[in-house]
Amino acid sequence: GPFRDALDSAPIRREGVPLDKRSYQMDPANGQEAVHE
C-alpha cells in the first residue's frame, strides 16, 4: 500500500479494470510455485 501511495500506482476503480493484481501476481498460499517461477 505505501509504495502505491508513493507512485499513485494502485489499480483504478472503473469498469473493465481488474480491482487487484491476483491474475498475475502469486497466490500467498503457494510456495512450490515460487520454485517453478
PDB file of all heavy atoms in Angstrom:
ATOM      1  N   GLY A   1       0.778  -1.236   0.000  1.00  0.00           N
ATOM      2  CA  GLY A   1       0.000   0.000   0.000  1.00  0.00           C
ATOM      3  C   GLY A   1       0.808   1.283   0.000  1.00  0.00           C
ATOM      4  O   GLY A   1       0.570   2.166  -0.840  1.00  0.00           O
ATOM      5  N   PRO A   2       1.774   1.464   0.906  1.00  0.00           N
ATOM      6  CA  PRO A   2       2.529   2.724   0.910  1.00  0.00           C
ATOM      7  C   PRO A   2       3.303   2.970  -0.387  1.00  0.00           C
ATOM      8  O   PRO A   2       3.423   4.118  -0.825  1.00  0.00           O
ATOM      9  CB  PRO A   2       3.479   2.547   2.106  1.00  0.00           C
ATOM     10  CG  PRO A   2       2.769   1.590   3.008  1.00  0.00           C
ATOM     11  CD  PRO A   2       2.084   0.625   2.085  1.00  0.00           C
ATOM     12  N   PHE A   3       3.823   1.910  -1.007  1.00  0.00           N
ATOM     13  CA  PHE A   3       4.521   2.061  -2.286  1.00  0.00           C
ATOM     14  C   PHE A   3       3.569   2.622  -3.337  1.00  0.00           C
ATOM     15  O   PHE A   3       3.922   3.536  -4.099  1.00  0.00           O
ATOM     16  CB  PHE A   3       5.078   0.712  -2.736  1.00  0.00           C
ATOM     17  CG  PHE A   3       5.777   0.743  -4.068  1.00  0.00           C
ATOM     18  CD1 PHE A   3       7.151   0.904  -4.140  1.00  0.00           C
ATOM     19  CD2 PHE A   3       5.069   0.600  -5.261  1.00  0.00           C
ATOM     20  CE1 PHE A   3       7.802   0.931  -5.372  1.00  0.00           C
ATOM     21  CE2 PHE A   3       5.711   0.629  -6.487  1.00  0.00           C
ATOM     22  CZ  PHE A   3       7.078   0.788  -6.544  1.00  0.00           C
ATOM     23  N   ARG A   4       2.357   2.070  -3.386  1.00  0.00           N
ATOM     24  CA  ARG A   4       1.394   2.545  -4.380  1.00  0.00           C
ATOM     25  C   ARG A   4       0.972   3.976  -4.100  1.00  0.00           C
ATOM     26  O   ARG A   4       0.714   4.754  -5.031  1.00  0.00           O
ATOM     27  CB  ARG A   4       0.194   1.599  -4.428  1.00  0.00           C
ATOM     28  CG  ARG A   4       0.578   0.230  -4.981  1.00  0.00           C
ATOM     29  CD  ARG A   4      -0.547  -0.782  -4.893  1.00  0.00           C
ATOM     30  NE  ARG A   4      -0.107  -2.079  -5.397  1.00  0.00           N
ATOM     31  CZ  ARG A   4      -0.804  -3.206  -5.292  1.00  0.00           C
ATOM     32  NH1 ARG A   4      -1.994  -3.184  -4.706  1.00  0.00           N
ATOM     33  NH2 ARG A   4      -0.331  -4.336  -5.776  1.00  0.00           N
ATOM     34  N   ASP A   5       0.943   4.347  -2.821  1.00  0.00           N
ATOM     35  CA  ASP A   5       0.678   5.749  -2.486  1.00  0.00           C
ATOM     36  C   ASP A   5       1.810   6.642  -2.990  1.00  0.00           C
ATOM     37  O   ASP A   5       1.573   7.742  -3.503  1.00  0.00           O
ATOM     38  CB  ASP A   5       0.563   5.927  -0.968  1.00  0.00           C
ATOM     39  CG  ASP A   5      -0.718   5.317  -0.403  1.00  0.00           C
ATOM     40  OD1 ASP A   5      -1.636   5.029  -1.189  1.00  0.00           O
ATOM     41  OD2 ASP A   5      -0.772   5.121   0.815  1.00  0.00           O
ATOM     42  N   ALA A   6       3.035   6.174  -2.851  1.00  0.00           N
ATOM     43  CA  ALA A   6       4.201   6.976  -3.247  1.00  0.00           C
ATOM     44  C   ALA A   6       4.202   7.280  -4.731  1.00  0.00           C
ATOM     45  O   ALA A   6       4.616   8.359  -5.152  1.00  0.00           O
ATOM     46  CB  ALA A   6       5.481   6.252  -2.851  1.00  0.00           C
ATOM     47  N   LEU A   7       3.732   6.320  -5.544  1.00  0.00           N
ATOM     48  CA  LEU A   7       3.751   6.493  -7.001  1.00  0.00           C
ATOM     49  C   LEU A   7       2.368   6.729  -7.586  1.00  0.00           C
ATOM     50  O   LEU A   7       2.241   6.892  -8.799  1.00  0.00           O
ATOM     51  CB  LEU A   7       4.369   5.259  -7.672  1.00  0.00           C
ATOM     52  CG  LEU A   7       5.834   4.973  -7.366  1.00  0.00           C
ATOM     53  CD1 LEU A   7       6.322   3.796  -8.202  1.00  0.00           C
ATOM     54  CD2 LEU A   7       6.715   6.190  -7.623  1.00  0.00           C
ATOM     55  N   ASP A   8       1.338   6.721  -6.739  1.00  0.00           N
ATOM     56  CA  ASP A   8      -0.039   6.821  -7.223  1.00  0.00           C
ATOM     57  C   ASP A   8      -0.275   5.772  -8.306  1.00  0.00           C
ATOM     58  O   ASP A   8      -0.729   6.072  -9.410  1.00  0.00           O
ATOM     59  CB  ASP A   8      -0.311   8.232  -7.772  1.00  0.00           C
ATOM     60  CG  ASP A   8      -1.789   8.482  -8.044  1.00  0.00           C
ATOM     61  OD1 ASP A   8      -2.627   7.776  -7.470  1.00  0.00           O
ATOM     62  OD2 ASP A   8      -2.097   9.384  -8.864  1.00  0.00           O
ATOM     63  N   SER A   9       0.035   4.512  -7.963  1.00  0.00           N
ATOM     64  CA  SER A   9       0.029   3.448  -8.970  1.00  0.00           C
ATOM     65  C   SER A   9      -0.917   2.297  -8.646  1.00  0.00           C
ATOM     66  O   SER A   9      -0.775   1.209  -9.200  1.00  0.00           O
ATOM     67  CB  SER A   9       1.449   2.899  -9.134  1.00  0.00           C
ATOM     68  OG  SER A   9       1.916   2.323  -7.926  1.00  0.00           O
ATOM     69  N   ALA A  10      -1.873   2.519  -7.747  1.00  0.00           N
ATOM     70  CA  ALA A  10      -2.834   1.459  -7.433  1.00  0.00           C
ATOM     71  C   ALA A  10      -3.800   1.270  -8.595  1.00  0.00           C
ATOM     72  O   ALA A  10      -4.066   2.206  -9.361  1.00  0.00           O
ATOM     73  CB  ALA A  10      -3.603   1.818  -6.165  1.00  0.00           C
ATOM     74  N   PRO A  11      -4.336   0.049  -8.768  1.00  0.00           N
ATOM     75  CA  PRO A  11      -5.337  -0.164  -9.819  1.00  0.00           C
ATOM     76  C   PRO A  11      -6.509   0.814  -9.693  1.00  0.00           C
ATOM     77  O   PRO A  11      -6.983   1.094  -8.590  1.00  0.00           O
ATOM     78  CB  PRO A  11      -5.790  -1.613  -9.587  1.00  0.00           C
ATOM     79  CG  PRO A  11      -4.614  -2.274  -8.949  1.00  0.00           C
ATOM     80  CD  PRO A  11      -4.009  -1.207  -8.063  1.00  0.00           C
ATOM     81  N   ILE A  12      -6.945   1.337 -10.831  1.00  0.00           N
ATOM     82  CA  ILE A  12      -8.021   2.317 -10.868  1.00  0.00           C
ATOM     83  C   ILE A  12      -9.369   1.599 -10.767  1.00  0.00           C
ATOM     84  O   ILE A  12      -9.589   0.578 -11.420  1.00  0.00           O
ATOM     85  CB  ILE A  12      -7.964   3.135 -12.179  1.00  0.00           C
ATOM     86  CG1 ILE A  12      -6.615   3.839 -12.306  1.00  0.00           C
ATOM     87  CG2 ILE A  12      -9.105   4.141 -12.241  1.00  0.00           C
ATOM     88  CD1 ILE A  12      -6.297   4.798 -11.197  1.00  0.00           C
ATOM     89  N   ARG A  13     -10.249   2.151  -9.959  1.00  0.00           N
ATOM     90  CA  ARG A  13     -11.574   1.552  -9.813  1.00  0.00           C
ATOM     91  C   ARG A  13     -12.500   2.104 -10.894  1.00  0.00           C
ATOM     92  O   ARG A  13     -13.084   3.173 -10.748  1.00  0.00           O
ATOM     93  CB  ARG A  13     -12.134   1.835  -8.419  1.00  0.00           C
ATOM     94  CG  ARG A  13     -11.379   1.118  -7.317  1.00  0.00           C
ATOM     95  CD  ARG A  13     -12.018   1.354  -5.961  1.00  0.00           C
ATOM     96  NE  ARG A  13     -11.343   0.560  -4.940  1.00  0.00           N
ATOM     97  CZ  ARG A  13     -11.648  -0.700  -4.635  1.00  0.00           C
ATOM     98  NH1 ARG A  13     -12.642  -1.301  -5.277  1.00  0.00           N
ATOM     99  NH2 ARG A  13     -10.986  -1.356  -3.707  1.00  0.00           N
ATOM    100  N   ARG A  14     -12.577   1.376 -11.997  1.00  0.00           N
ATOM    101  CA  ARG A  14     -13.545   1.717 -13.032  1.00  0.00           C
ATOM    102  C   ARG A  14     -13.891   0.469 -13.837  1.00  0.00           C
ATOM    103  O   ARG A  14     -13.161  -0.520 -13.803  1.00  0.00           O
ATOM    104  CB  ARG A  14     -13.038   2.836 -13.939  1.00  0.00           C
ATOM    105  CG  ARG A  14     -11.834   2.519 -14.792  1.00  0.00           C
ATOM    106  CD  ARG A  14     -11.682   3.601 -15.876  1.00  0.00           C
ATOM    107  NE  ARG A  14     -10.463   3.385 -16.645  1.00  0.00           N
ATOM    108  CZ  ARG A  14      -9.353   4.085 -16.498  1.00  0.00           C
ATOM    109  NH1 ARG A  14      -9.297   5.037 -15.589  1.00  0.00           N
ATOM    110  NH2 ARG A  14      -8.299   3.831 -17.244  1.00  0.00           N
ATOM    111  N   GLU A  15     -14.965   0.531 -14.550  1.00  0.00           N
ATOM    112  CA  GLU A  15     -15.463  -0.634 -15.276  1.00  0.00           C
ATOM    113  C   GLU A  15     -14.428  -1.112 -16.296  1.00  0.00           C
ATOM    114  O   GLU A  15     -13.812  -0.319 -17.010  1.00  0.00           O
ATOM    115  CB  GLU A  15     -16.770  -0.294 -15.990  1.00  0.00           C
ATOM    116  CG  GLU A  15     -17.429  -1.489 -16.651  1.00  0.00           C
ATOM    117  CD  GLU A  15     -18.765  -1.145 -17.279  1.00  0.00           C
ATOM    118  OE1 GLU A  15     -19.232   0.004 -17.095  1.00  0.00           O
ATOM    119  OE2 GLU A  15     -19.330  -2.024 -17.953  1.00  0.00           O
ATOM    120  N   GLY A  16     -14.214  -2.420 -16.320  1.00  0.00           N
ATOM    121  CA  GLY A  16     -13.293  -3.009 -17.284  1.00  0.00           C
ATOM    122  C   GLY A  16     -11.870  -3.110 -16.796  1.00  0.00           C
ATOM    123  O   GLY A  16     -11.000  -3.597 -17.506  1.00  0.00           O
ATOM    124  N   VAL A  17     -11.598  -2.637 -15.563  1.00  0.00           N
ATOM    125  CA  VAL A  17     -10.251  -2.708 -14.993  1.00  0.00           C
ATOM    126  C   VAL A  17     -10.281  -3.631 -13.779  1.00  0.00           C
ATOM    127  O   VAL A  17     -11.070  -3.397 -12.852  1.00  0.00           O
ATOM    128  CB  VAL A  17      -9.736  -1.308 -14.574  1.00  0.00           C
ATOM    129  CG1 VAL A  17      -8.368  -1.420 -13.920  1.00  0.00           C
ATOM    130  CG2 VAL A  17      -9.670  -0.382 -15.778  1.00  0.00           C
ATOM    131  N   PRO A  18      -9.460  -4.690 -13.748  1.00  0.00           N
ATOM    132  CA  PRO A  18      -9.433  -5.576 -12.571  1.00  0.00           C
ATOM    133  C   PRO A  18      -9.107  -4.787 -11.317  1.00  0.00           C
ATOM    134  O   PRO A  18      -8.271  -3.879 -11.327  1.00  0.00           O
ATOM    135  CB  PRO A  18      -8.322  -6.569 -12.913  1.00  0.00           C
ATOM    136  CG  PRO A  18      -8.234  -6.555 -14.400  1.00  0.00           C
ATOM    137  CD  PRO A  18      -8.552  -5.156 -14.809  1.00  0.00           C
ATOM    138  N   LEU A  19      -9.779  -5.136 -10.234  1.00  0.00           N
ATOM    139  CA  LEU A  19      -9.605  -4.392  -8.990  1.00  0.00           C
ATOM    140  C   LEU A  19      -8.316  -4.736  -8.266  1.00  0.00           C
ATOM    141  O   LEU A  19      -7.897  -4.017  -7.354  1.00  0.00           O
ATOM    142  CB  LEU A  19     -10.795  -4.656  -8.057  1.00  0.00           C
ATOM    143  CG  LEU A  19     -12.146  -4.120  -8.542  1.00  0.00           C
ATOM    144  CD1 LEU A  19     -13.242  -4.494  -7.551  1.00  0.00           C
ATOM    145  CD2 LEU A  19     -12.091  -2.607  -8.718  1.00  0.00           C
ATOM    146  N   ASP A  20      -7.698  -5.859  -8.623  1.00  0.00           N
ATOM    147  CA  ASP A  20      -6.462  -6.266  -7.969  1.00  0.00           C
ATOM    148  C   ASP A  20      -5.543  -6.926  -8.994  1.00  0.00           C
ATOM    149  O   ASP A  20      -5.855  -6.957 -10.190  1.00  0.00           O
ATOM    150  CB  ASP A  20      -6.736  -7.208  -6.786  1.00  0.00           C
ATOM    151  CG  ASP A  20      -7.537  -8.438  -7.198  1.00  0.00           C
ATOM    152  OD1 ASP A  20      -7.214  -9.035  -8.258  1.00  0.00           O
ATOM    153  OD2 ASP A  20      -8.471  -8.823  -6.472  1.00  0.00           O
ATOM    154  N   LYS A  21      -4.411  -7.441  -8.509  1.00  0.00           N
ATOM    155  CA  LYS A  21      -3.398  -7.993  -9.405  1.00  0.00           C
ATOM    156  C   LYS A  21      -3.245  -9.505  -9.253  1.00  0.00           C
ATOM    157  O   LYS A  21      -2.210 -10.079  -9.580  1.00  0.00           O
ATOM    158  CB  LYS A  21      -2.056  -7.284  -9.162  1.00  0.00           C
ATOM    159  CG  LYS A  21      -2.140  -5.772  -9.354  1.00  0.00           C
ATOM    160  CD  LYS A  21      -0.788  -5.088  -9.278  1.00  0.00           C
ATOM    161  CE  LYS A  21      -0.918  -3.585  -9.534  1.00  0.00           C
ATOM    162  NZ  LYS A  21       0.403  -2.900  -9.593  1.00  0.00           N
ATOM    163  N   ARG A  22      -4.312 -10.148  -8.771  1.00  0.00           N
ATOM    164  CA  ARG A  22      -4.228 -11.574  -8.482  1.00  0.00           C
ATOM    165  C   ARG A  22      -4.134 -12.454  -9.721  1.00  0.00           C
ATOM    166  O   ARG A  22      -3.765 -13.623  -9.614  1.00  0.00           O
ATOM    167  CB  ARG A  22      -5.429 -11.991  -7.628  1.00  0.00           C
ATOM    168  CG  ARG A  22      -5.429 -11.358  -6.250  1.00  0.00           C
ATOM    169  CD  ARG A  22      -6.678 -11.708  -5.448  1.00  0.00           C
ATOM    170  NE  ARG A  22      -6.708 -10.996  -4.193  1.00  0.00           N
ATOM    171  CZ  ARG A  22      -6.138 -11.426  -3.068  1.00  0.00           C
ATOM    172  NH1 ARG A  22      -5.502 -12.581  -3.060  1.00  0.00           N
ATOM    173  NH2 ARG A  22      -6.201 -10.713  -1.973  1.00  0.00           N
ATOM    174  N   SER A  23      -4.464 -11.909 -10.891  1.00  0.00           N
ATOM    175  CA  SER A  23      -4.384 -12.730 -12.104  1.00  0.00           C
ATOM    176  C   SER A  23      -2.952 -12.874 -12.616  1.00  0.00           C
ATOM    177  O   SER A  23      -2.687 -13.686 -13.505  1.00  0.00           O
ATOM    178  CB  SER A  23      -5.275 -12.153 -13.209  1.00  0.00           C
ATOM    179  OG  SER A  23      -4.748 -10.924 -13.685  1.00  0.00           O
ATOM    180  N   TYR A  24      -2.019 -12.103 -12.048  1.00  0.00           N
ATOM    181  CA  TYR A  24      -0.628 -12.261 -12.480  1.00  0.00           C
ATOM    182  C   TYR A  24       0.360 -12.330 -11.322  1.00  0.00           C
ATOM    183  O   TYR A  24       1.385 -13.001 -11.415  1.00  0.00           O
ATOM    184  CB  TYR A  24      -0.211 -11.188 -13.499  1.00  0.00           C
ATOM    185  CG  TYR A  24      -0.511  -9.754 -13.159  1.00  0.00           C
ATOM    186  CD1 TYR A  24       0.457  -8.914 -12.633  1.00  0.00           C
ATOM    187  CD2 TYR A  24      -1.765  -9.208 -13.424  1.00  0.00           C
ATOM    188  CE1 TYR A  24       0.194  -7.587 -12.364  1.00  0.00           C
ATOM    189  CE2 TYR A  24      -2.049  -7.876 -13.163  1.00  0.00           C
ATOM    190  CZ  TYR A  24      -1.067  -7.065 -12.633  1.00  0.00           C
ATOM    191  OH  TYR A  24      -1.334  -5.738 -12.367  1.00  0.00           O
ATOM    192  N   GLN A  25       0.088 -11.677 -10.189  1.00  0.00           N
ATOM    193  CA  GLN A  25       0.952 -11.862  -9.024  1.00  0.00           C
ATOM    194  C   GLN A  25       0.557 -13.151  -8.303  1.00  0.00           C
ATOM    195  O   GLN A  25      -0.561 -13.641  -8.437  1.00  0.00           O
ATOM    196  CB  GLN A  25       0.840 -10.655  -8.085  1.00  0.00           C
ATOM    197  CG  GLN A  25       1.398  -9.387  -8.702  1.00  0.00           C
ATOM    198  CD  GLN A  25       1.276  -8.175  -7.797  1.00  0.00           C
ATOM    199  OE1 GLN A  25       0.662  -8.233  -6.737  1.00  0.00           O
ATOM    200  NE2 GLN A  25       1.847  -7.064  -8.238  1.00  0.00           N
ATOM    201  N   MET A  26       1.482 -13.708  -7.518  1.00  0.00           N
ATOM    202  CA  MET A  26       1.302 -15.050  -6.983  1.00  0.00           C
ATOM    203  C   MET A  26       0.342 -15.097  -5.796  1.00  0.00           C
ATOM    204  O   MET A  26       0.233 -14.151  -5.016  1.00  0.00           O
ATOM    205  CB  MET A  26       2.648 -15.644  -6.575  1.00  0.00           C
ATOM    206  CG  MET A  26       3.494 -16.091  -7.748  1.00  0.00           C
ATOM    207  SD  MET A  26       5.054 -16.815  -7.197  1.00  0.00           S
ATOM    208  CE  MET A  26       4.469 -18.056  -6.039  1.00  0.00           C
ATOM    209  N   ASP A  27      -0.300 -16.243  -5.648  1.00  0.00           N
ATOM    210  CA  ASP A  27      -1.193 -16.522  -4.529  1.00  0.00           C
ATOM    211  C   ASP A  27      -0.350 -16.696  -3.260  1.00  0.00           C
ATOM    212  O   ASP A  27       0.563 -17.523  -3.223  1.00  0.00           O
ATOM    213  CB  ASP A  27      -1.968 -17.805  -4.825  1.00  0.00           C
ATOM    214  CG  ASP A  27      -3.049 -18.112  -3.796  1.00  0.00           C
ATOM    215  OD1 ASP A  27      -2.926 -17.678  -2.637  1.00  0.00           O
ATOM    216  OD2 ASP A  27      -4.009 -18.809  -4.162  1.00  0.00           O
ATOM    217  N   PRO A  28      -0.651 -15.932  -2.188  1.00  0.00           N
ATOM    218  CA  PRO A  28       0.130 -16.065  -0.951  1.00  0.00           C
ATOM    219  C   PRO A  28       0.131 -17.467  -0.350  1.00  0.00           C
ATOM    220  O   PRO A  28       0.996 -17.774   0.475  1.00  0.00           O
ATOM    221  CB  PRO A  28      -0.555 -15.067  -0.005  1.00  0.00           C
ATOM    222  CG  PRO A  28      -1.134 -14.039  -0.909  1.00  0.00           C
ATOM    223  CD  PRO A  28      -1.603 -14.809  -2.113  1.00  0.00           C
ATOM    224  N   ALA A  29      -0.799 -18.319  -0.768  1.00  0.00           N
ATOM    225  CA  ALA A  29      -0.862 -19.678  -0.222  1.00  0.00           C
ATOM    226  C   ALA A  29       0.153 -20.622  -0.859  1.00  0.00           C
ATOM    227  O   ALA A  29       0.344 -21.742  -0.378  1.00  0.00           O
ATOM    228  CB  ALA A  29      -2.272 -20.250  -0.398  1.00  0.00           C
ATOM    229  N   ASN A  30       0.809 -20.187  -1.932  1.00  0.00           N
ATOM    230  CA  ASN A  30       1.652 -21.096  -2.714  1.00  0.00           C
ATOM    231  C   ASN A  30       3.139 -20.882  -2.458  1.00  0.00           C
ATOM    232  O   ASN A  30       3.613 -19.746  -2.464  1.00  0.00           O
ATOM    233  CB  ASN A  30       1.376 -20.928  -4.204  1.00  0.00           C
ATOM    234  CG  ASN A  30      -0.039 -21.349  -4.581  1.00  0.00           C
ATOM    235  OD1 ASN A  30      -0.760 -21.900  -3.745  1.00  0.00           O
ATOM    236  ND2 ASN A  30      -0.427 -21.106  -5.808  1.00  0.00           N
ATOM    237  N   GLY A  31       3.853 -21.994  -2.239  1.00  0.00           N
ATOM    238  CA  GLY A  31       5.299 -21.957  -2.050  1.00  0.00           C
ATOM    239  C   GLY A  31       6.042 -22.661  -3.161  1.00  0.00           C
ATOM    240  O   GLY A  31       6.989 -22.120  -3.730  1.00  0.00           O
ATOM    241  N   GLN A  32       5.637 -23.872  -3.513  1.00  0.00           N
ATOM    242  CA  GLN A  32       6.307 -24.630  -4.563  1.00  0.00           C
ATOM    243  C   GLN A  32       6.247 -23.892  -5.897  1.00  0.00           C
ATOM    244  O   GLN A  32       7.171 -23.960  -6.696  1.00  0.00           O
ATOM    245  CB  GLN A  32       5.674 -26.019  -4.692  1.00  0.00           C
ATOM    246  CG  GLN A  32       6.332 -26.914  -5.745  1.00  0.00           C
ATOM    247  CD  GLN A  32       7.806 -27.167  -5.456  1.00  0.00           C
ATOM    248  OE1 GLN A  32       8.206 -27.282  -4.296  1.00  0.00           O
ATOM    249  NE2 GLN A  32       8.610 -27.257  -6.503  1.00  0.00           N
ATOM    250  N   GLU A  33       5.151 -23.168  -6.115  1.00  0.00           N
ATOM    251  CA  GLU A  33       5.022 -22.412  -7.353  1.00  0.00           C
ATOM    252  C   GLU A  33       6.163 -21.406  -7.513  1.00  0.00           C
ATOM    253  O   GLU A  33       6.595 -21.110  -8.638  1.00  0.00           O
ATOM    254  CB  GLU A  33       3.677 -21.690  -7.372  1.00  0.00           C
ATOM    255  CG  GLU A  33       3.404 -20.933  -8.663  1.00  0.00           C
ATOM    256  CD  GLU A  33       2.109 -20.144  -8.613  1.00  0.00           C
ATOM    257  OE1 GLU A  33       1.508 -20.030  -7.513  1.00  0.00           O
ATOM    258  OE2 GLU A  33       1.709 -19.622  -9.662  1.00  0.00           O
ATOM    259  N   ALA A  34       6.668 -20.882  -6.402  1.00  0.00           N
ATOM    260  CA  ALA A  34       7.765 -19.918  -6.462  1.00  0.00           C
ATOM    261  C   ALA A  34       9.022 -20.556  -7.050  1.00  0.00           C
ATOM    262  O   ALA A  34       9.765 -19.911  -7.799  1.00  0.00           O
ATOM    263  CB  ALA A  34       8.057 -19.366  -5.074  1.00  0.00           C
ATOM    264  N   VAL A  35       9.272 -21.820  -6.706  1.00  0.00           N
ATOM    265  CA  VAL A  35      10.427 -22.531  -7.263  1.00  0.00           C
ATOM    266  C   VAL A  35      10.262 -22.664  -8.772  1.00  0.00           C
ATOM    267  O   VAL A  35      11.212 -22.465  -9.543  1.00  0.00           O
ATOM    268  CB  VAL A  35      10.593 -23.908  -6.605  1.00  0.00           C
ATOM    269  CG1 VAL A  35      11.773 -24.661  -7.220  1.00  0.00           C
ATOM    270  CG2 VAL A  35      10.779 -23.775  -5.099  1.00  0.00           C
ATOM    271  N   HIS A  36       9.050 -22.992  -9.199  1.00  0.00           N
ATOM    272  CA  HIS A  36       8.778 -23.134 -10.633  1.00  0.00           C
ATOM    273  C   HIS A  36       8.989 -21.806 -11.356  1.00  0.00           C
ATOM    274  O   HIS A  36       9.674 -21.743 -12.390  1.00  0.00           O
ATOM    275  CB  HIS A  36       7.348 -23.637 -10.821  1.00  0.00           C
ATOM    276  CG  HIS A  36       6.948 -23.835 -12.250  1.00  0.00           C
ATOM    277  ND1 HIS A  36       7.651 -24.657 -13.114  1.00  0.00           N
ATOM    278  CD2 HIS A  36       5.915 -23.322 -12.976  1.00  0.00           C
ATOM    279  CE1 HIS A  36       7.077 -24.639 -14.301  1.00  0.00           C
ATOM    280  NE2 HIS A  36       6.029 -23.836 -14.246  1.00  0.00           N
ATOM    281  N   GLU A  37       8.408 -20.730 -10.809  1.00  0.00           N
ATOM    282  CA  GLU A  37       8.548 -19.410 -11.425  1.00  0.00           C
ATOM    283  C   GLU A  37      10.018 -18.994 -11.532  1.00  0.00           C
ATOM    284  O   GLU A  37      10.480 -18.524 -12.574  1.00  0.00           O
ATOM    285  CB  GLU A  37       7.778 -18.370 -10.607  1.00  0.00           C
ATOM    286  CG  GLU A  37       6.277 -18.428 -10.743  1.00  0.00           C
ATOM    287  CD  GLU A  37       5.778 -17.653 -11.949  1.00  0.00           C
ATOM    288  OE1 GLU A  37       6.604 -17.225 -12.773  1.00  0.00           O
ATOM    289  OE2 GLU A  37       4.553 -17.469 -12.058  1.00  0.00           O
TER     290      GLU A  37
END
